[in-house]
Protein backbone atom coordinates (compact mmCIF):
# COMPACT_ATOMS: atom_id res chain seq x y z
CA MET A 1 0.25 0.02 0.17
CA ALA A 2 2.59 2.39 0.92
CA ASP A 3 4.83 1.93 -2.09
CA ARG A 4 2.05 2.14 -4.40
CA THR A 5 1.59 5.61 -6.55
CA ASP A 6 -1.96 6.56 -6.80
CA PRO A 7 -3.37 8.99 -9.72
CA PRO A 8 -4.16 12.12 -8.72
CA ARG A 9 -7.55 12.52 -6.67
CA ARG A 10 -10.01 15.53 -8.00
CA SER A 11 -13.02 17.19 -6.83
CA VAL A 12 -14.88 16.65 -10.15
CA SER A 13 -13.77 16.01 -13.58
CA HIS A 14 -11.61 18.15 -15.39
CA SER A 15 -13.02 17.32 -18.52
CA ALA A 16 -13.17 20.27 -20.92
CA GLY A 17 -17.34 19.56 -20.63
CA ILE A 18 -17.87 20.44 -17.09
CA ASP A 19 -19.60 23.80 -17.63
CA SER A 20 -21.32 22.84 -20.22
CA ILE A 21 -22.79 19.67 -18.31
CA TYR A 22 -24.04 22.31 -15.59
CA ASP A 23 -25.35 24.32 -18.47
CA LEU A 24 -27.44 21.78 -19.68
CA ARG A 25 -28.68 20.45 -16.49
CA PHE A 26 -29.63 23.68 -15.12
CA GLY A 27 -30.95 26.69 -17.62
CA GLU A 28 -31.82 29.88 -16.13
CA ALA A 29 -35.25 29.30 -14.83
CA GLU A 30 -34.44 26.27 -12.82
CA ARG A 31 -31.47 28.69 -11.52
CA SER A 32 -33.89 31.09 -10.53
CA ARG A 33 -36.00 28.59 -8.68
CA LYS A 34 -33.21 27.28 -7.05
CA ALA A 35 -32.04 30.31 -5.58
CA GLY A 36 -35.63 30.84 -3.82
CA VAL A 37 -35.26 27.26 -2.51
CA TRP A 38 -31.69 28.17 -1.03
CA ARG A 39 -33.01 31.12 0.55
CA GLU A 40 -35.16 29.05 2.62
CA ILE A 41 -33.14 26.40 3.63
CA CYS A 42 -30.34 28.60 4.48
CA GLY A 43 -32.43 30.70 6.69
CA PHE A 44 -33.46 27.58 8.39
CA LEU A 45 -29.39 26.46 8.59
CA GLN A 46 -28.63 29.62 10.28
CA ARG A 47 -31.54 30.22 12.78
CA ARG A 48 -30.30 26.96 14.25
CA TYR A 49 -26.43 26.17 13.47
CA ILE A 50 -24.92 29.03 12.11
CA PRO A 51 -24.43 32.14 14.45
CA GLU A 52 -23.91 35.55 12.37
CA SER A 53 -20.54 36.12 14.22
CA SER A 54 -19.11 32.72 12.66
CA ARG A 55 -16.57 32.65 9.81
CA VAL A 56 -17.95 30.19 7.21
CA MET A 57 -16.26 28.16 4.26
CA ASP A 58 -18.70 26.88 1.28
CA VAL A 59 -16.87 23.93 -0.08
CA ALA A 60 -17.89 23.58 -3.98
CA THR A 61 -19.89 26.51 -3.61
CA ASP A 62 -21.36 26.30 -7.96
CA LEU A 63 -23.24 29.61 -8.10
CA GLY A 64 -23.07 30.64 -4.18
CA TYR A 65 -26.51 29.56 -3.57
CA PHE A 66 -25.75 28.89 -0.21
CA ILE A 67 -23.10 31.39 0.93
CA GLY A 68 -24.68 34.27 -0.72
CA ASN A 69 -27.94 33.72 1.25
CA ILE A 70 -25.68 33.52 4.96
CA THR A 71 -24.96 36.09 7.39
CA ALA A 72 -21.59 35.94 8.91
CA ALA A 73 -18.39 37.59 10.13
CA GLU A 74 -16.25 35.92 6.97
CA ARG A 75 -17.85 34.72 4.23
CA TRP A 76 -15.61 32.48 1.81
CA ALA A 77 -16.18 30.29 -1.40
CA SER A 78 -14.36 27.55 -3.37
CA ASP A 79 -15.03 25.94 -6.13
CA LEU A 80 -13.43 23.92 -8.95
CA ARG A 81 -14.79 26.27 -11.77
CA ASP A 82 -14.32 29.87 -11.39
CA THR A 83 -17.63 31.27 -10.54
CA SER A 84 -16.30 34.70 -8.80
CA ALA A 85 -18.36 36.57 -10.97
CA THR A 86 -21.78 34.86 -9.31
CA MET A 87 -20.63 35.76 -5.68
CA PRO A 88 -22.16 38.53 -3.85
CA GLU A 89 -20.01 41.28 -2.62
CA GLY A 90 -17.80 40.40 0.52
CA VAL A 91 -17.23 36.97 -0.37
CA HIS A 92 -13.72 35.60 -0.64
CA PHE A 93 -13.81 33.10 -3.41
CA VAL A 94 -11.07 30.91 -3.88
CA GLN A 95 -10.62 28.79 -7.27
CA ALA A 96 -9.48 25.37 -6.23
CA ASP A 97 -9.73 21.35 -5.88
CA GLY A 98 -11.93 21.20 -2.48
CA LEU A 99 -9.35 18.32 -2.20
CA LYS A 100 -6.24 20.82 -1.67
CA LEU A 101 -8.08 23.55 0.21
CA ALA A 102 -5.80 23.19 3.19
CA GLU A 103 -2.83 24.47 1.39
CA VAL A 104 -4.67 27.86 -0.02
CA VAL A 105 -6.84 29.06 2.57
CA PRO A 106 -6.29 29.77 6.30
CA THR A 107 -6.51 26.34 8.76
CA GLU A 108 -8.12 26.01 11.93
CA HIS A 109 -9.79 28.96 11.25
CA PHE A 110 -13.42 28.53 10.26
CA ASP A 111 -16.44 28.22 12.39
CA VAL A 112 -18.30 25.89 9.96
CA VAL A 113 -17.38 24.34 6.82
CA PHE A 114 -20.54 23.48 4.27
CA MET A 115 -20.89 21.31 1.49
CA SER A 116 -23.92 20.01 -0.58
CA ASN A 117 -24.54 17.93 -2.94
CA TYR A 118 -20.82 17.43 -3.73
CA LEU A 119 -19.05 14.42 -2.25
CA GLU A 120 -21.18 12.18 -4.18
CA HIS A 121 -19.02 13.78 -7.12
CA LEU A 122 -15.58 12.49 -5.93
CA ASP A 123 -13.76 9.51 -7.37
CA SER A 124 -14.02 7.12 -4.63
CA ALA A 125 -14.81 6.41 -0.83
CA GLU A 126 -11.47 7.22 -0.08
CA SER A 127 -11.40 10.79 -1.24
CA VAL A 128 -14.88 11.53 0.57
CA ILE A 129 -12.74 10.72 3.84
CA GLU A 130 -10.30 12.76 2.54
CA GLN A 131 -12.02 15.58 1.42
CA LEU A 132 -13.65 15.08 5.43
CA ARG A 133 -10.30 15.46 6.79
CA VAL A 134 -9.67 18.75 4.62
CA ALA A 135 -12.71 20.09 6.23
CA TRP A 136 -11.59 18.88 9.85
CA GLN A 137 -8.14 20.92 9.26
CA LEU A 138 -10.03 24.05 8.16
CA LEU A 139 -11.96 24.26 11.32
CA ARG A 140 -11.28 25.92 14.53
CA PRO A 141 -11.62 23.39 17.33
CA GLY A 142 -15.33 22.90 18.42
CA GLY A 143 -16.24 24.16 14.48
CA ARG A 144 -18.78 22.36 12.52
CA VAL A 145 -19.11 20.82 9.09
CA ILE A 146 -22.45 21.25 7.85
CA ILE A 147 -23.31 18.70 5.06
CA LEU A 148 -26.37 18.32 3.07
CA GLN A 149 -25.97 14.85 1.00
CA PRO A 150 -28.47 12.27 -1.21
CA ASP A 151 -29.23 8.92 -0.16
CA ILE A 152 -29.04 6.50 -2.50
CA LYS A 153 -30.80 4.20 -0.20
CA LEU A 154 -33.76 6.42 -0.48
CA VAL A 155 -33.08 7.76 -3.84
CA GLY A 156 -32.70 4.24 -5.46
CA ASN A 157 -31.46 4.23 -9.14
CA ALA A 158 -32.61 7.93 -10.03
CA TYR A 159 -28.77 8.73 -7.96
CA TRP A 160 -27.34 7.60 -11.11
CA ASP A 161 -29.57 9.69 -13.46
CA PHE A 162 -26.38 12.71 -12.92
CA ILE A 163 -23.79 11.00 -15.23
CA ASP A 164 -21.11 12.90 -13.04
CA HIS A 165 -22.46 11.15 -9.61
CA ARG A 166 -19.48 8.48 -8.47
CA VAL A 167 -19.71 7.52 -4.84
CA PRO A 168 -22.81 5.95 -3.57
CA LEU A 169 -23.70 7.39 0.00
CA THR A 170 -26.10 7.11 2.88
CA GLY A 171 -26.72 8.99 5.63
CA GLU A 172 -24.77 6.56 7.87
CA SER A 173 -22.22 6.11 5.40
CA LEU A 174 -21.59 9.73 5.41
CA ALA A 175 -21.78 9.55 9.12
CA GLU A 176 -19.02 6.83 9.39
CA ALA A 177 -16.91 8.23 7.00
CA ALA A 178 -17.00 12.06 9.01
CA ALA A 179 -15.70 9.64 12.09
CA PHE A 180 -13.09 8.34 10.29
CA ALA A 181 -11.99 12.02 9.35
CA GLY A 182 -11.99 12.76 13.12
CA PHE A 183 -15.58 14.49 13.75
CA GLU A 184 -17.67 14.10 16.63
CA HIS A 185 -21.33 13.07 15.73
CA ASP A 186 -23.40 16.13 16.42
CA VAL A 187 -26.59 15.82 14.36
CA LEU A 188 -28.01 13.18 11.57
CA VAL A 189 -31.03 13.93 10.07
CA GLY A 190 -31.69 10.90 7.89
CA ARG A 191 -34.80 12.40 6.03
CA PHE A 192 -34.53 16.05 5.53
CA LEU A 193 -34.72 17.50 2.05
CA PRO A 194 -36.35 16.24 -1.30
CA TYR A 195 -33.65 15.11 -3.68
CA SER A 196 -33.67 17.66 -6.34
CA THR A 197 -35.32 20.82 -7.35
CA LYS A 198 -35.34 19.36 -10.97
CA GLY A 199 -38.15 17.07 -9.48
CA ARG A 200 -41.99 17.93 -9.47
CA LEU A 201 -42.25 18.81 -5.61
CA PRO A 202 -43.39 22.37 -5.25
CA SER A 203 -40.12 24.74 -5.17
CA HIS A 204 -42.46 28.06 -4.15
CA PRO A 205 -40.07 29.93 -1.49
CA LEU A 206 -43.44 29.85 0.98
CA LEU A 207 -43.68 26.10 0.38
CA VAL A 208 -40.35 25.27 1.13
CA ARG A 209 -40.60 27.47 4.21
CA ALA A 210 -43.71 25.58 5.23
CA TYR A 211 -41.85 22.37 4.22
CA LEU A 212 -39.07 22.86 6.79
CA ALA A 213 -41.41 23.99 9.53
CA PHE A 214 -43.35 20.90 9.46
CA PRO A 215 -40.66 17.78 10.32
CA PRO A 216 -43.37 14.88 9.86
CA ALA A 217 -43.35 15.78 5.65
CA TRP A 218 -39.46 15.14 6.13
CA ARG A 219 -40.37 11.67 6.59
CA ILE A 220 -42.22 11.25 3.84
CA LEU A 221 -40.68 13.31 1.05
CA GLY A 222 -36.87 13.73 2.30
CA LYS A 223 -34.29 11.87 0.35
CA GLN A 224 -31.29 13.73 1.37
CA ALA A 225 -29.38 13.57 4.97
CA LEU A 226 -28.48 16.67 7.02
CA TYR A 227 -25.32 15.88 8.81
CA ILE A 228 -22.93 18.04 11.10
CA GLY A 229 -20.19 17.12 13.15
CA ARG A 230 -17.87 18.95 15.40
CA LYS A 231 -14.37 19.33 15.59
């Protein structure tokens, strides 16, 4: 094992068509709808888990749906693609592979590291653990990692409808990976959000707010886990 030369691991594919994949998957109408949904999700998470005095890092930020709707003392975002043009004023954007973030941003600095619908895009289960170890390095003692993650056990074969999904994960396997990375378990809500904004479920902000305020609905419609671990 020690003398094996592994190929470099990357957070997502470096193929030339990666931007085209996301452009095809989410058109302008879809992005507008996602923005409204994220405002409600962020409000929910902020009230419970993210004090406004926090220093927050959003890993694999995409167009900044999360970090743009969070109030924090410091807001940082990173992505493999250069999406800096979509970041709101005051966000420190770093274009970098998520697995190498500890080399380019402050370590033991952040109160919250956030990831959403990202880990399934990595190359392997080992890369998932490695990414969580990077998150652990970035956090100050007592800091939290907050992860939204589709659960293949609940989603079923639709998990593979996205061509760039590579690692099958459940809420339980995510919690196990986080433990391997050094996190102490804080919160695991196995059924939290519906799978995707591309589905037929209502996504009007008022309906999303009502859904988040009514946990019994999570047990029926939830196919994504909410995991929170503490350093």
